[in-house]
Amino acid sequence: MTALLTDRAAVSLQEAAQIIGISKSGAYNLAQSGNFPCRILKVGGRYIVPTAGLRELLDITATA
């Protein structure tokens, strides 16, 4: 998991949900209501989650 968060600039909303331990539908509900626990970007019809925000949320220090 840590490699995923340090090797990539962003992950899909579904990947972010798995990383933080919530369901895919829960993640989409939070994203649509503007309450996802970290920054998300909407690109076209997709949600993208920058890994920097996930690392901060999970208190993971990048070691690259």
PDB file of N, CA and C in Angstrom:
ATOM      1  N   MET A   1       0.824  -1.197   0.000  1.00  0.00           N
ATOM      2  CA  MET A   1       0.000   0.000   0.000  1.00  0.00           C
ATOM      3  C   MET A   1       0.863   1.253   0.000  1.00  0.00           C
ATOM      4  N   THR A   2       1.902   1.287   0.817  1.00  0.00           N
ATOM      5  CA  THR A   2       2.746   2.472   0.881  1.00  0.00           C
ATOM      6  C   THR A   2       3.388   2.763  -0.463  1.00  0.00           C
ATOM      7  N   ALA A   3       3.790   1.721  -1.194  1.00  0.00           N
ATOM      8  CA  ALA A   3       4.382   1.931  -2.514  1.00  0.00           C
ATOM      9  C   ALA A   3       3.383   2.573  -3.456  1.00  0.00           C
ATOM     10  N   LEU A   4       2.137   2.156  -3.379  1.00  0.00           N
ATOM     11  CA  LEU A   4       1.085   2.745  -4.214  1.00  0.00           C
ATOM     12  C   LEU A   4       0.968   4.237  -3.939  1.00  0.00           C
ATOM     13  N   LEU A   5       1.092   4.623  -2.700  1.00  0.00           N
ATOM     14  CA  LEU A   5       0.940   6.030  -2.325  1.00  0.00           C
ATOM     15  C   LEU A   5       2.181   6.861  -2.598  1.00  0.00           C
ATOM     16  N   THR A   6       3.335   6.240  -2.770  1.00  0.00           N
ATOM     17  CA  THR A   6       4.549   7.014  -3.036  1.00  0.00           C
ATOM     18  C   THR A   6       4.951   6.974  -4.503  1.00  0.00           C
ATOM     19  N   ASP A   7       4.520   5.948  -5.225  1.00  0.00           N
ATOM     20  CA  ASP A   7       4.913   5.813  -6.629  1.00  0.00           C
ATOM     21  C   ASP A   7       3.991   6.535  -7.597  1.00  0.00           C
ATOM     22  N   ARG A   8       2.802   6.887  -7.171  1.00  0.00           N
ATOM     23  CA  ARG A   8       1.826   7.505  -8.064  1.00  0.00           C
ATOM     24  C   ARG A   8       1.363   8.848  -7.515  1.00  0.00           C
ATOM     25  N   ALA A   9       1.057   9.756  -8.415  1.00  0.00           N
ATOM     26  CA  ALA A   9       0.595  11.087  -8.010  1.00  0.00           C
ATOM     27  C   ALA A   9      -0.866  11.073  -7.594  1.00  0.00           C
ATOM     28  N   ALA A  10      -1.643  10.130  -8.135  1.00  0.00           N
ATOM     29  CA  ALA A  10      -3.070  10.064  -7.826  1.00  0.00           C
ATOM     30  C   ALA A  10      -3.573   8.644  -8.019  1.00  0.00           C
ATOM     31  N   VAL A  11      -4.681   8.341  -7.373  1.00  0.00           N
ATOM     32  CA  VAL A  11      -5.335   7.044  -7.521  1.00  0.00           C
ATOM     33  C   VAL A  11      -6.812   7.281  -7.795  1.00  0.00           C
ATOM     34  N   SER A  12      -7.495   6.242  -8.231  1.00  0.00           N
ATOM     35  CA  SER A  12      -8.931   6.357  -8.456  1.00  0.00           C
ATOM     36  C   SER A  12      -9.655   6.425  -7.113  1.00  0.00           C
ATOM     37  N   LEU A  13     -10.897   6.861  -7.159  1.00  0.00           N
ATOM     38  CA  LEU A  13     -11.688   6.931  -5.926  1.00  0.00           C
ATOM     39  C   LEU A  13     -11.876   5.538  -5.340  1.00  0.00           C
ATOM     40  N   GLN A  14     -12.049   4.546  -6.198  1.00  0.00           N
ATOM     41  CA  GLN A  14     -12.216   3.170  -5.735  1.00  0.00           C
ATOM     42  C   GLN A  14     -10.951   2.687  -5.011  1.00  0.00           C
ATOM     43  N   GLU A  15      -9.771   2.984  -5.554  1.00  0.00           N
ATOM     44  CA  GLU A  15      -8.520   2.602  -4.896  1.00  0.00           C
ATOM     45  C   GLU A  15      -8.378   3.323  -3.560  1.00  0.00           C
ATOM     46  N   ALA A  16      -8.728   4.607  -3.534  1.00  0.00           N
ATOM     47  CA  ALA A  16      -8.651   5.380  -2.288  1.00  0.00           C
ATOM     48  C   ALA A  16      -9.581   4.790  -1.237  1.00  0.00           C
ATOM     49  N   ALA A  17     -10.774   4.380  -1.650  1.00  0.00           N
ATOM     50  CA  ALA A  17     -11.723   3.776  -0.720  1.00  0.00           C
ATOM     51  C   ALA A  17     -11.134   2.512  -0.101  1.00  0.00           C
ATOM     52  N   GLN A  18     -10.520   1.670  -0.921  1.00  0.00           N
ATOM     53  CA  GLN A  18      -9.897   0.445  -0.409  1.00  0.00           C
ATOM     54  C   GLN A  18      -8.781   0.768   0.570  1.00  0.00           C
ATOM     55  N   ILE A  19      -7.989   1.778   0.246  1.00  0.00           N
ATOM     56  CA  ILE A  19      -6.851   2.151   1.098  1.00  0.00           C
ATOM     57  C   ILE A  19      -7.314   2.616   2.466  1.00  0.00           C
ATOM     58  N   ILE A  20      -8.384   3.413   2.512  1.00  0.00           N
ATOM     59  CA  ILE A  20      -8.825   3.938   3.815  1.00  0.00           C
ATOM     60  C   ILE A  20      -9.891   3.066   4.478  1.00  0.00           C
ATOM     61  N   GLY A  21     -10.315   1.999   3.789  1.00  0.00           N
ATOM     62  CA  GLY A  21     -11.199   1.027   4.418  1.00  0.00           C
ATOM     63  C   GLY A  21     -12.672   1.375   4.398  1.00  0.00           C
ATOM     64  N   ILE A  22     -13.125   2.018   3.337  1.00  0.00           N
ATOM     65  CA  ILE A  22     -14.557   2.279   3.201  1.00  0.00           C
ATOM     66  C   ILE A  22     -15.053   1.650   1.905  1.00  0.00           C
ATOM     67  N   SER A  23     -16.365   1.493   1.800  1.00  0.00           N
ATOM     68  CA  SER A  23     -16.921   0.872   0.603  1.00  0.00           C
ATOM     69  C   SER A  23     -16.851   1.819  -0.586  1.00  0.00           C
ATOM     70  N   LYS A  24     -16.911   1.244  -1.768  1.00  0.00           N
ATOM     71  CA  LYS A  24     -16.909   2.031  -2.992  1.00  0.00           C
ATOM     72  C   LYS A  24     -18.115   2.963  -3.021  1.00  0.00           C
ATOM     73  N   SER A  25     -19.289   2.455  -2.676  1.00  0.00           N
ATOM     74  CA  SER A  25     -20.490   3.301  -2.689  1.00  0.00           C
ATOM     75  C   SER A  25     -20.406   4.392  -1.634  1.00  0.00           C
ATOM     76  N   GLY A  26     -19.834   4.067  -0.485  1.00  0.00           N
ATOM     77  CA  GLY A  26     -19.643   5.087   0.550  1.00  0.00           C
ATOM     78  C   GLY A  26     -18.716   6.183   0.090  1.00  0.00           C
ATOM     79  N   ALA A  27     -17.654   5.798  -0.616  1.00  0.00           N
ATOM     80  CA  ALA A  27     -16.700   6.776  -1.138  1.00  0.00           C
ATOM     81  C   ALA A  27     -17.371   7.702  -2.146  1.00  0.00           C
ATOM     82  N   TYR A  28     -18.176   7.131  -3.038  1.00  0.00           N
ATOM     83  CA  TYR A  28     -18.866   7.964  -4.025  1.00  0.00           C
ATOM     84  C   TYR A  28     -19.879   8.888  -3.355  1.00  0.00           C
ATOM     85  N   ASN A  29     -20.575   8.398  -2.338  1.00  0.00           N
ATOM     86  CA  ASN A  29     -21.509   9.257  -1.607  1.00  0.00           C
ATOM     87  C   ASN A  29     -20.786  10.425  -0.948  1.00  0.00           C
ATOM     88  N   LEU A  30     -19.652  10.141  -0.318  1.00  0.00           N
ATOM     89  CA  LEU A  30     -18.870  11.205   0.317  1.00  0.00           C
ATOM     90  C   LEU A  30     -18.333  12.190  -0.722  1.00  0.00           C
ATOM     91  N   ALA A  31     -17.862  11.682  -1.843  1.00  0.00           N
ATOM     92  CA  ALA A  31     -17.327  12.551  -2.893  1.00  0.00           C
ATOM     93  C   ALA A  31     -18.422  13.459  -3.452  1.00  0.00           C
ATOM     94  N   GLN A  32     -19.578  12.894  -3.722  1.00  0.00           N
ATOM     95  CA  GLN A  32     -20.672  13.674  -4.300  1.00  0.00           C
ATOM     96  C   GLN A  32     -21.202  14.729  -3.338  1.00  0.00           C
ATOM     97  N   SER A  33     -21.128  14.445  -2.044  1.00  0.00           N
ATOM     98  CA  SER A  33     -21.616  15.417  -1.056  1.00  0.00           C
ATOM     99  C   SER A  33     -20.535  16.410  -0.641  1.00  0.00           C
ATOM    100  N   GLY A  34     -19.305  16.220  -1.143  1.00  0.00           N
ATOM    101  CA  GLY A  34     -18.203  17.116  -0.785  1.00  0.00           C
ATOM    102  C   GLY A  34     -17.601  16.821   0.571  1.00  0.00           C
ATOM    103  N   ASN A  35     -17.819  15.609   1.089  1.00  0.00           N
ATOM    104  CA  ASN A  35     -17.342  15.249   2.418  1.00  0.00           C
ATOM    105  C   ASN A  35     -16.292  14.152   2.439  1.00  0.00           C
ATOM    106  N   PHE A  36     -15.659  13.878   1.300  1.00  0.00           N
ATOM    107  CA  PHE A  36     -14.591  12.883   1.305  1.00  0.00           C
ATOM    108  C   PHE A  36     -13.485  13.400   2.218  1.00  0.00           C
ATOM    109  N   PRO A  37     -12.832  12.533   3.002  1.00  0.00           N
ATOM    110  CA  PRO A  37     -11.893  13.003   4.021  1.00  0.00           C
ATOM    111  C   PRO A  37     -10.591  13.623   3.530  1.00  0.00           C
ATOM    112  N   CYS A  38     -10.367  13.643   2.228  1.00  0.00           N
ATOM    113  CA  CYS A  38      -9.210  14.357   1.693  1.00  0.00           C
ATOM    114  C   CYS A  38      -9.597  14.937   0.329  1.00  0.00           C
ATOM    115  N   ARG A  39      -8.704  15.713  -0.229  1.00  0.00           N
ATOM    116  CA  ARG A  39      -8.970  16.404  -1.494  1.00  0.00           C
ATOM    117  C   ARG A  39      -9.201  15.415  -2.634  1.00  0.00           C
ATOM    118  N   ILE A  40     -10.203  15.702  -3.449  1.00  0.00           N
ATOM    119  CA  ILE A  40     -10.455  14.918  -4.652  1.00  0.00           C
ATOM    120  C   ILE A  40     -10.627  15.865  -5.826  1.00  0.00           C
ATOM    121  N   LEU A  41     -10.356  15.359  -7.003  1.00  0.00           N
ATOM    122  CA  LEU A  41     -10.526  16.125  -8.233  1.00  0.00           C
ATOM    123  C   LEU A  41     -11.541  15.394  -9.091  1.00  0.00           C
ATOM    124  N   LYS A  42     -12.414  16.138  -9.742  1.00  0.00           N
ATOM    125  CA  LYS A  42     -13.343  15.526 -10.685  1.00  0.00           C
ATOM    126  C   LYS A  42     -12.843  15.858 -12.083  1.00  0.00           C
ATOM    127  N   VAL A  43     -12.503  14.827 -12.828  1.00  0.00           N
ATOM    128  CA  VAL A  43     -11.973  14.981 -14.176  1.00  0.00           C
ATOM    129  C   VAL A  43     -12.963  14.281 -15.103  1.00  0.00           C
ATOM    130  N   GLY A  44     -13.710  15.072 -15.845  1.00  0.00           N
ATOM    131  CA  GLY A  44     -14.778  14.498 -16.644  1.00  0.00           C
ATOM    132  C   GLY A  44     -15.792  13.869 -15.706  1.00  0.00           C
ATOM    133  N   GLY A  45     -16.069  12.611 -15.874  1.00  0.00           N
ATOM    134  CA  GLY A  45     -16.984  11.908 -14.981  1.00  0.00           C
ATOM    135  C   GLY A  45     -16.285  11.088 -13.923  1.00  0.00           C
ATOM    136  N   ARG A  46     -14.945  11.226 -13.804  1.00  0.00           N
ATOM    137  CA  ARG A  46     -14.172  10.426 -12.853  1.00  0.00           C
ATOM    138  C   ARG A  46     -13.697  11.256 -11.677  1.00  0.00           C
ATOM    139  N   TYR A  47     -13.588  10.598 -10.547  1.00  0.00           N
ATOM    140  CA  TYR A  47     -12.977  11.217  -9.375  1.00  0.00           C
ATOM    141  C   TYR A  47     -11.550  10.700  -9.256  1.00  0.00           C
ATOM    142  N   ILE A  48     -10.621  11.617  -9.038  1.00  0.00           N
ATOM    143  CA  ILE A  48      -9.209  11.296  -8.861  1.00  0.00           C
ATOM    144  C   ILE A  48      -8.792  11.805  -7.482  1.00  0.00           C
ATOM    145  N   VAL A  49      -8.038  10.992  -6.766  1.00  0.00           N
ATOM    146  CA  VAL A  49      -7.600  11.354  -5.413  1.00  0.00           C
ATOM    147  C   VAL A  49      -6.080  11.493  -5.406  1.00  0.00           C
ATOM    148  N   PRO A  50      -5.568  12.715  -5.224  1.00  0.00           N
ATOM    149  CA  PRO A  50      -4.112  12.886  -5.122  1.00  0.00           C
ATOM    150  C   PRO A  50      -3.557  12.098  -3.932  1.00  0.00           C
ATOM    151  N   THR A  51      -2.474  11.374  -4.155  1.00  0.00           N
ATOM    152  CA  THR A  51      -1.933  10.546  -3.080  1.00  0.00           C
ATOM    153  C   THR A  51      -1.346  11.372  -1.937  1.00  0.00           C
ATOM    154  N   ALA A  52      -0.975  12.599  -2.202  1.00  0.00           N
ATOM    155  CA  ALA A  52      -0.449  13.449  -1.114  1.00  0.00           C
ATOM    156  C   ALA A  52      -1.497  13.602  -0.016  1.00  0.00           C
ATOM    157  N   GLY A  53      -2.744  13.796  -0.396  1.00  0.00           N
ATOM    158  CA  GLY A  53      -3.818  13.926   0.589  1.00  0.00           C
ATOM    159  C   GLY A  53      -4.074  12.642   1.348  1.00  0.00           C
ATOM    160  N   LEU A  54      -3.971  11.517   0.656  1.00  0.00           N
ATOM    161  CA  LEU A  54      -4.138  10.227   1.336  1.00  0.00           C
ATOM    162  C   LEU A  54      -3.010   9.974   2.328  1.00  0.00           C
ATOM    163  N   ARG A  55      -1.777  10.306   1.916  1.00  0.00           N
ATOM    164  CA  ARG A  55      -0.642  10.136   2.831  1.00  0.00           C
ATOM    165  C   ARG A  55      -0.832  10.989   4.083  1.00  0.00           C
ATOM    166  N   GLU A  56      -1.293  12.214   3.894  1.00  0.00           N
ATOM    167  CA  GLU A  56      -1.522  13.093   5.039  1.00  0.00           C
ATOM    168  C   GLU A  56      -2.635  12.540   5.932  1.00  0.00           C
ATOM    169  N   LEU A  57      -3.728  12.094   5.318  1.00  0.00           N
ATOM    170  CA  LEU A  57      -4.853  11.529   6.070  1.00  0.00           C
ATOM    171  C   LEU A  57      -4.407  10.333   6.907  1.00  0.00           C
ATOM    172  N   LEU A  58      -3.571   9.480   6.314  1.00  0.00           N
ATOM    173  CA  LEU A  58      -3.117   8.272   6.988  1.00  0.00           C
ATOM    174  C   LEU A  58      -1.842   8.467   7.785  1.00  0.00           C
ATOM    175  N   ASP A  59      -1.330   9.691   7.806  1.00  0.00           N
ATOM    176  CA  ASP A  59      -0.104  10.027   8.534  1.00  0.00           C
ATOM    177  C   ASP A  59       1.074   9.165   8.073  1.00  0.00           C
ATOM    178  N   ILE A  60       1.218   9.080   6.737  1.00  0.00           N
ATOM    179  CA  ILE A  60       2.323   8.335   6.138  1.00  0.00           C
ATOM    180  C   ILE A  60       3.304   9.339   5.554  1.00  0.00           C
ATOM    181  N   THR A  61       4.551   9.230   5.944  1.00  0.00           N
ATOM    182  CA  THR A  61       5.590  10.108   5.426  1.00  0.00           C
ATOM    183  C   THR A  61       6.180   9.476   4.175  1.00  0.00           C
ATOM    184  N   ALA A  62       6.208  10.242   3.101  1.00  0.00           N
ATOM    185  CA  ALA A  62       6.784   9.752   1.840  1.00  0.00           C
ATOM    186  C   ALA A  62       8.289   9.626   1.997  1.00  0.00           C
ATOM    187  N   THR A  63       8.834   8.526   1.513  1.00  0.00           N
ATOM    188  CA  THR A  63      10.281   8.314   1.589  1.00  0.00           C
ATOM    189  C   THR A  63      10.797   8.035   0.181  1.00  0.00           C
ATOM    190  N   ALA A  64      10.862   9.092  -0.605  1.00  0.00           N
ATOM    191  CA  ALA A  64      11.335   8.897  -1.985  1.00  0.00           C
ATOM    192  C   ALA A  64      12.505   9.790  -2.252  1.00  0.00           C
TER     193      ALA A  64
END
